[in-house]
Amino acid sequence: MEGPIRMTVTRAASAQTPQSHPYVGMWVTEDGHVRHNLLPNGRYDEARGSRESAYRGRYRVTGDHIDYWDDTGFTADGTFIDGVLHHGGMVLYRRE
């Protein structure tokens, strides 16, 4: 009888390599109520008011266009214009 079979599980390369896209980071409405954190792994975390992580999901940036796929199933999109994110009637600014 042969020895036990050993399996090695590895993560996909895309999960290990952070994005270096210039839009990765925190985007905030002028009043600070809505905050989009575009994470380097292609996920986002959106806070609204005192509600942290109100929405979470994945995103993809193509040129100056961003598509969102929320974990609950809805989709949304936006456009970066002159360093400002326009999304769902909101205007979000880059927070350093």
N, C-alpha and C. Protein backbone atom coordinates (compact mmCIF):
# COMPACT_ATOMS: atom_id res chain seq x y z
N MET A 1 0.85 -1.18 0.00
CA MET A 1 0.00 0.00 0.00
C MET A 1 0.89 1.24 0.00
N GLU A 2 0.52 2.22 -0.81
CA GLU A 2 1.28 3.46 -0.90
C GLU A 2 0.93 4.39 0.25
N GLY A 3 1.78 5.38 0.50
CA GLY A 3 1.54 6.36 1.57
C GLY A 3 0.36 7.26 1.25
N PRO A 4 -0.02 8.15 2.18
CA PRO A 4 -1.17 9.04 1.98
C PRO A 4 -0.90 10.03 0.85
N ILE A 5 -1.97 10.44 0.21
CA ILE A 5 -1.87 11.44 -0.84
C ILE A 5 -1.83 12.81 -0.18
N ARG A 6 -0.88 13.61 -0.58
CA ARG A 6 -0.76 14.95 -0.02
C ARG A 6 -1.13 15.97 -1.07
N MET A 7 -1.95 16.92 -0.65
CA MET A 7 -2.38 17.97 -1.57
C MET A 7 -1.93 19.31 -1.02
N THR A 8 -1.51 20.16 -1.91
CA THR A 8 -1.12 21.51 -1.53
C THR A 8 -2.11 22.46 -2.17
N VAL A 9 -2.69 23.34 -1.37
CA VAL A 9 -3.63 24.33 -1.88
C VAL A 9 -2.93 25.67 -1.90
N THR A 10 -2.97 26.34 -3.04
CA THR A 10 -2.35 27.66 -3.15
C THR A 10 -3.40 28.66 -3.61
N ARG A 11 -3.19 29.90 -3.26
CA ARG A 11 -4.10 30.96 -3.70
C ARG A 11 -3.78 31.35 -5.12
N ALA A 12 -4.77 31.89 -5.79
CA ALA A 12 -4.55 32.40 -7.15
C ALA A 12 -3.58 33.57 -7.08
N ALA A 13 -2.80 33.74 -8.11
CA ALA A 13 -1.81 34.81 -8.14
C ALA A 13 -2.46 36.18 -7.94
N SER A 14 -3.68 36.38 -8.50
CA SER A 14 -4.33 37.68 -8.38
C SER A 14 -4.69 38.00 -6.93
N ALA A 15 -4.92 36.99 -6.10
CA ALA A 15 -5.23 37.22 -4.70
C ALA A 15 -3.99 37.57 -3.90
N GLN A 16 -2.83 37.22 -4.42
CA GLN A 16 -1.59 37.48 -3.70
C GLN A 16 -0.93 38.78 -4.12
N THR A 17 -1.21 39.25 -5.30
CA THR A 17 -0.56 40.44 -5.83
C THR A 17 -1.46 41.65 -5.70
N PRO A 18 -1.11 42.62 -4.85
CA PRO A 18 -1.95 43.80 -4.71
C PRO A 18 -1.97 44.62 -5.99
N GLN A 19 -3.09 45.26 -6.24
CA GLN A 19 -3.18 46.15 -7.39
C GLN A 19 -2.40 47.42 -7.07
N SER A 20 -1.78 47.97 -8.08
CA SER A 20 -1.08 49.24 -7.89
C SER A 20 -1.80 50.35 -8.63
N HIS A 21 -3.08 50.15 -8.89
CA HIS A 21 -3.87 51.13 -9.63
C HIS A 21 -3.99 52.43 -8.84
N PRO A 22 -3.90 53.56 -9.50
CA PRO A 22 -3.93 54.85 -8.78
C PRO A 22 -5.27 55.14 -8.10
N TYR A 23 -6.35 54.42 -8.44
CA TYR A 23 -7.64 54.68 -7.80
C TYR A 23 -7.83 53.88 -6.52
N VAL A 24 -6.94 52.97 -6.20
CA VAL A 24 -7.03 52.22 -4.95
C VAL A 24 -6.90 53.19 -3.79
N GLY A 25 -7.74 53.04 -2.77
CA GLY A 25 -7.67 53.90 -1.59
C GLY A 25 -9.05 54.37 -1.18
N MET A 26 -9.08 55.39 -0.35
CA MET A 26 -10.31 55.91 0.24
C MET A 26 -10.88 57.06 -0.57
N TRP A 27 -12.18 56.98 -0.84
CA TRP A 27 -12.92 58.02 -1.55
C TRP A 27 -14.09 58.44 -0.67
N VAL A 28 -14.29 59.76 -0.49
CA VAL A 28 -15.22 60.27 0.50
C VAL A 28 -16.05 61.41 -0.07
N THR A 29 -17.36 61.44 0.28
CA THR A 29 -18.18 62.58 -0.10
C THR A 29 -17.71 63.80 0.68
N GLU A 30 -18.04 64.98 0.19
CA GLU A 30 -17.56 66.21 0.81
C GLU A 30 -17.96 66.30 2.29
N ASP A 31 -19.16 65.81 2.63
CA ASP A 31 -19.60 65.85 4.02
C ASP A 31 -19.10 64.66 4.85
N GLY A 32 -18.38 63.73 4.21
CA GLY A 32 -17.82 62.58 4.91
C GLY A 32 -18.82 61.48 5.22
N HIS A 33 -20.06 61.63 4.78
CA HIS A 33 -21.11 60.64 5.10
C HIS A 33 -20.87 59.29 4.42
N VAL A 34 -20.48 59.31 3.15
CA VAL A 34 -20.23 58.08 2.39
C VAL A 34 -18.73 57.95 2.16
N ARG A 35 -18.22 56.76 2.47
CA ARG A 35 -16.79 56.50 2.33
C ARG A 35 -16.58 55.17 1.61
N HIS A 36 -15.96 55.22 0.45
CA HIS A 36 -15.64 54.01 -0.32
C HIS A 36 -14.15 53.71 -0.14
N ASN A 37 -13.85 52.56 0.38
CA ASN A 37 -12.46 52.13 0.47
C ASN A 37 -12.24 51.09 -0.61
N LEU A 38 -11.55 51.47 -1.67
CA LEU A 38 -11.22 50.56 -2.76
C LEU A 38 -9.94 49.83 -2.38
N LEU A 39 -10.08 48.58 -2.03
CA LEU A 39 -8.96 47.80 -1.52
C LEU A 39 -8.10 47.27 -2.65
N PRO A 40 -6.82 47.04 -2.41
CA PRO A 40 -5.91 46.60 -3.47
C PRO A 40 -6.19 45.19 -4.00
N ASN A 41 -7.03 44.42 -3.32
CA ASN A 41 -7.35 43.06 -3.77
C ASN A 41 -8.59 42.99 -4.65
N GLY A 42 -9.10 44.16 -5.10
CA GLY A 42 -10.27 44.18 -5.96
C GLY A 42 -11.60 44.16 -5.20
N ARG A 43 -11.56 44.33 -3.90
CA ARG A 43 -12.77 44.40 -3.07
C ARG A 43 -12.95 45.84 -2.61
N TYR A 44 -14.19 46.18 -2.23
CA TYR A 44 -14.44 47.49 -1.66
C TYR A 44 -15.24 47.33 -0.38
N ASP A 45 -15.16 48.34 0.46
CA ASP A 45 -15.88 48.39 1.72
C ASP A 45 -16.45 49.79 1.82
N GLU A 46 -17.76 49.92 1.85
CA GLU A 46 -18.40 51.23 1.89
C GLU A 46 -19.04 51.47 3.24
N ALA A 47 -18.72 52.62 3.83
CA ALA A 47 -19.34 53.05 5.09
C ALA A 47 -20.30 54.19 4.78
N ARG A 48 -21.38 54.25 5.57
CA ARG A 48 -22.36 55.34 5.43
C ARG A 48 -22.68 55.86 6.82
N GLY A 49 -22.35 57.12 7.06
CA GLY A 49 -22.56 57.70 8.38
C GLY A 49 -21.80 56.92 9.44
N SER A 50 -22.49 56.53 10.50
CA SER A 50 -21.85 55.77 11.57
C SER A 50 -21.86 54.27 11.28
N ARG A 51 -22.45 53.88 10.17
CA ARG A 51 -22.53 52.46 9.82
C ARG A 51 -21.31 52.03 8.99
N GLU A 52 -20.34 51.43 9.66
CA GLU A 52 -19.16 50.92 8.98
C GLU A 52 -19.53 49.67 8.20
N SER A 53 -18.86 49.44 7.08
CA SER A 53 -19.10 48.26 6.24
C SER A 53 -20.57 48.08 5.90
N ALA A 54 -21.22 49.18 5.53
CA ALA A 54 -22.63 49.12 5.14
C ALA A 54 -22.81 48.27 3.89
N TYR A 55 -21.85 48.36 2.98
CA TYR A 55 -21.86 47.56 1.76
C TYR A 55 -20.45 47.06 1.49
N ARG A 56 -20.37 45.84 1.01
CA ARG A 56 -19.09 45.24 0.64
C ARG A 56 -19.27 44.48 -0.65
N GLY A 57 -18.20 44.36 -1.40
CA GLY A 57 -18.26 43.61 -2.63
C GLY A 57 -16.95 43.71 -3.39
N ARG A 58 -17.06 43.48 -4.68
CA ARG A 58 -15.87 43.56 -5.51
C ARG A 58 -16.06 44.69 -6.53
N TYR A 59 -14.96 45.12 -7.09
CA TYR A 59 -15.02 46.17 -8.10
C TYR A 59 -13.98 45.90 -9.17
N ARG A 60 -14.19 46.55 -10.32
CA ARG A 60 -13.22 46.49 -11.42
C ARG A 60 -13.16 47.87 -12.06
N VAL A 61 -11.95 48.35 -12.26
CA VAL A 61 -11.73 49.63 -12.93
C VAL A 61 -11.25 49.35 -14.34
N THR A 62 -11.93 49.96 -15.32
CA THR A 62 -11.53 49.87 -16.72
C THR A 62 -11.39 51.30 -17.22
N GLY A 63 -10.16 51.72 -17.42
CA GLY A 63 -9.93 53.12 -17.79
C GLY A 63 -10.35 54.02 -16.64
N ASP A 64 -11.33 54.89 -16.88
CA ASP A 64 -11.85 55.77 -15.84
C ASP A 64 -13.24 55.33 -15.37
N HIS A 65 -13.65 54.12 -15.73
CA HIS A 65 -14.96 53.58 -15.35
C HIS A 65 -14.78 52.53 -14.25
N ILE A 66 -15.68 52.54 -13.25
CA ILE A 66 -15.64 51.53 -12.20
C ILE A 66 -16.98 50.81 -12.14
N ASP A 67 -16.92 49.50 -12.05
CA ASP A 67 -18.10 48.66 -11.87
C ASP A 67 -18.02 48.04 -10.48
N TYR A 68 -19.16 48.02 -9.78
CA TYR A 68 -19.25 47.43 -8.44
C TYR A 68 -20.22 46.25 -8.48
N TRP A 69 -19.88 45.17 -7.79
CA TRP A 69 -20.77 44.03 -7.59
C TRP A 69 -20.85 43.80 -6.09
N ASP A 70 -21.96 44.21 -5.48
CA ASP A 70 -22.12 44.08 -4.04
C ASP A 70 -22.36 42.63 -3.65
N ASP A 71 -21.91 42.25 -2.47
CA ASP A 71 -22.09 40.88 -1.98
C ASP A 71 -23.56 40.49 -1.85
N THR A 72 -24.46 41.48 -1.73
CA THR A 72 -25.89 41.17 -1.62
C THR A 72 -26.56 40.98 -2.97
N GLY A 73 -25.84 41.29 -4.06
CA GLY A 73 -26.36 41.02 -5.39
C GLY A 73 -26.60 42.21 -6.28
N PHE A 74 -26.62 43.44 -5.76
CA PHE A 74 -26.86 44.55 -6.67
C PHE A 74 -25.57 45.03 -7.31
N THR A 75 -25.72 45.72 -8.42
CA THR A 75 -24.57 46.24 -9.15
C THR A 75 -24.70 47.76 -9.28
N ALA A 76 -23.57 48.40 -9.46
CA ALA A 76 -23.54 49.85 -9.64
C ALA A 76 -22.29 50.18 -10.44
N ASP A 77 -22.20 51.44 -10.85
CA ASP A 77 -21.00 51.85 -11.56
C ASP A 77 -20.74 53.32 -11.29
N GLY A 78 -19.63 53.79 -11.79
CA GLY A 78 -19.25 55.18 -11.62
C GLY A 78 -18.16 55.55 -12.61
N THR A 79 -17.78 56.82 -12.57
CA THR A 79 -16.76 57.33 -13.48
C THR A 79 -15.83 58.27 -12.72
N PHE A 80 -14.56 58.13 -12.97
CA PHE A 80 -13.56 59.04 -12.42
C PHE A 80 -13.35 60.16 -13.44
N ILE A 81 -13.62 61.40 -13.03
CA ILE A 81 -13.46 62.55 -13.90
C ILE A 81 -12.56 63.55 -13.20
N ASP A 82 -11.42 63.84 -13.80
CA ASP A 82 -10.46 64.81 -13.23
C ASP A 82 -10.16 64.53 -11.77
N GLY A 83 -9.94 63.26 -11.42
CA GLY A 83 -9.56 62.89 -10.06
C GLY A 83 -10.70 62.86 -9.06
N VAL A 84 -11.94 62.87 -9.56
CA VAL A 84 -13.12 62.84 -8.69
C VAL A 84 -13.98 61.66 -9.13
N LEU A 85 -14.52 60.91 -8.16
CA LEU A 85 -15.37 59.76 -8.44
C LEU A 85 -16.83 60.19 -8.42
N HIS A 86 -17.51 59.97 -9.55
CA HIS A 86 -18.94 60.24 -9.67
C HIS A 86 -19.65 58.89 -9.66
N HIS A 87 -20.49 58.67 -8.63
CA HIS A 87 -21.10 57.36 -8.43
C HIS A 87 -22.49 57.53 -7.82
N GLY A 88 -23.51 57.03 -8.51
CA GLY A 88 -24.87 57.03 -7.97
C GLY A 88 -25.37 58.40 -7.54
N GLY A 89 -25.06 59.43 -8.30
CA GLY A 89 -25.49 60.79 -7.95
C GLY A 89 -24.62 61.44 -6.88
N MET A 90 -23.60 60.74 -6.42
CA MET A 90 -22.69 61.27 -5.40
C MET A 90 -21.37 61.68 -6.06
N VAL A 91 -20.67 62.56 -5.38
CA VAL A 91 -19.34 62.97 -5.79
C VAL A 91 -18.41 62.64 -4.64
N LEU A 92 -17.40 61.83 -4.92
CA LEU A 92 -16.46 61.40 -3.88
C LEU A 92 -15.06 61.87 -4.24
N TYR A 93 -14.35 62.33 -3.22
CA TYR A 93 -13.01 62.88 -3.39
C TYR A 93 -11.99 61.95 -2.75
N ARG A 94 -10.82 61.92 -3.32
CA ARG A 94 -9.74 61.08 -2.81
C ARG A 94 -9.28 61.59 -1.45
N ARG A 95 -9.21 60.71 -0.47
CA ARG A 95 -8.66 61.06 0.84
C ARG A 95 -7.29 60.40 0.94
N GLU A 96 -6.31 61.19 1.20
CA GLU A 96 -4.93 60.67 1.31
C GLU A 96 -4.71 60.02 2.64
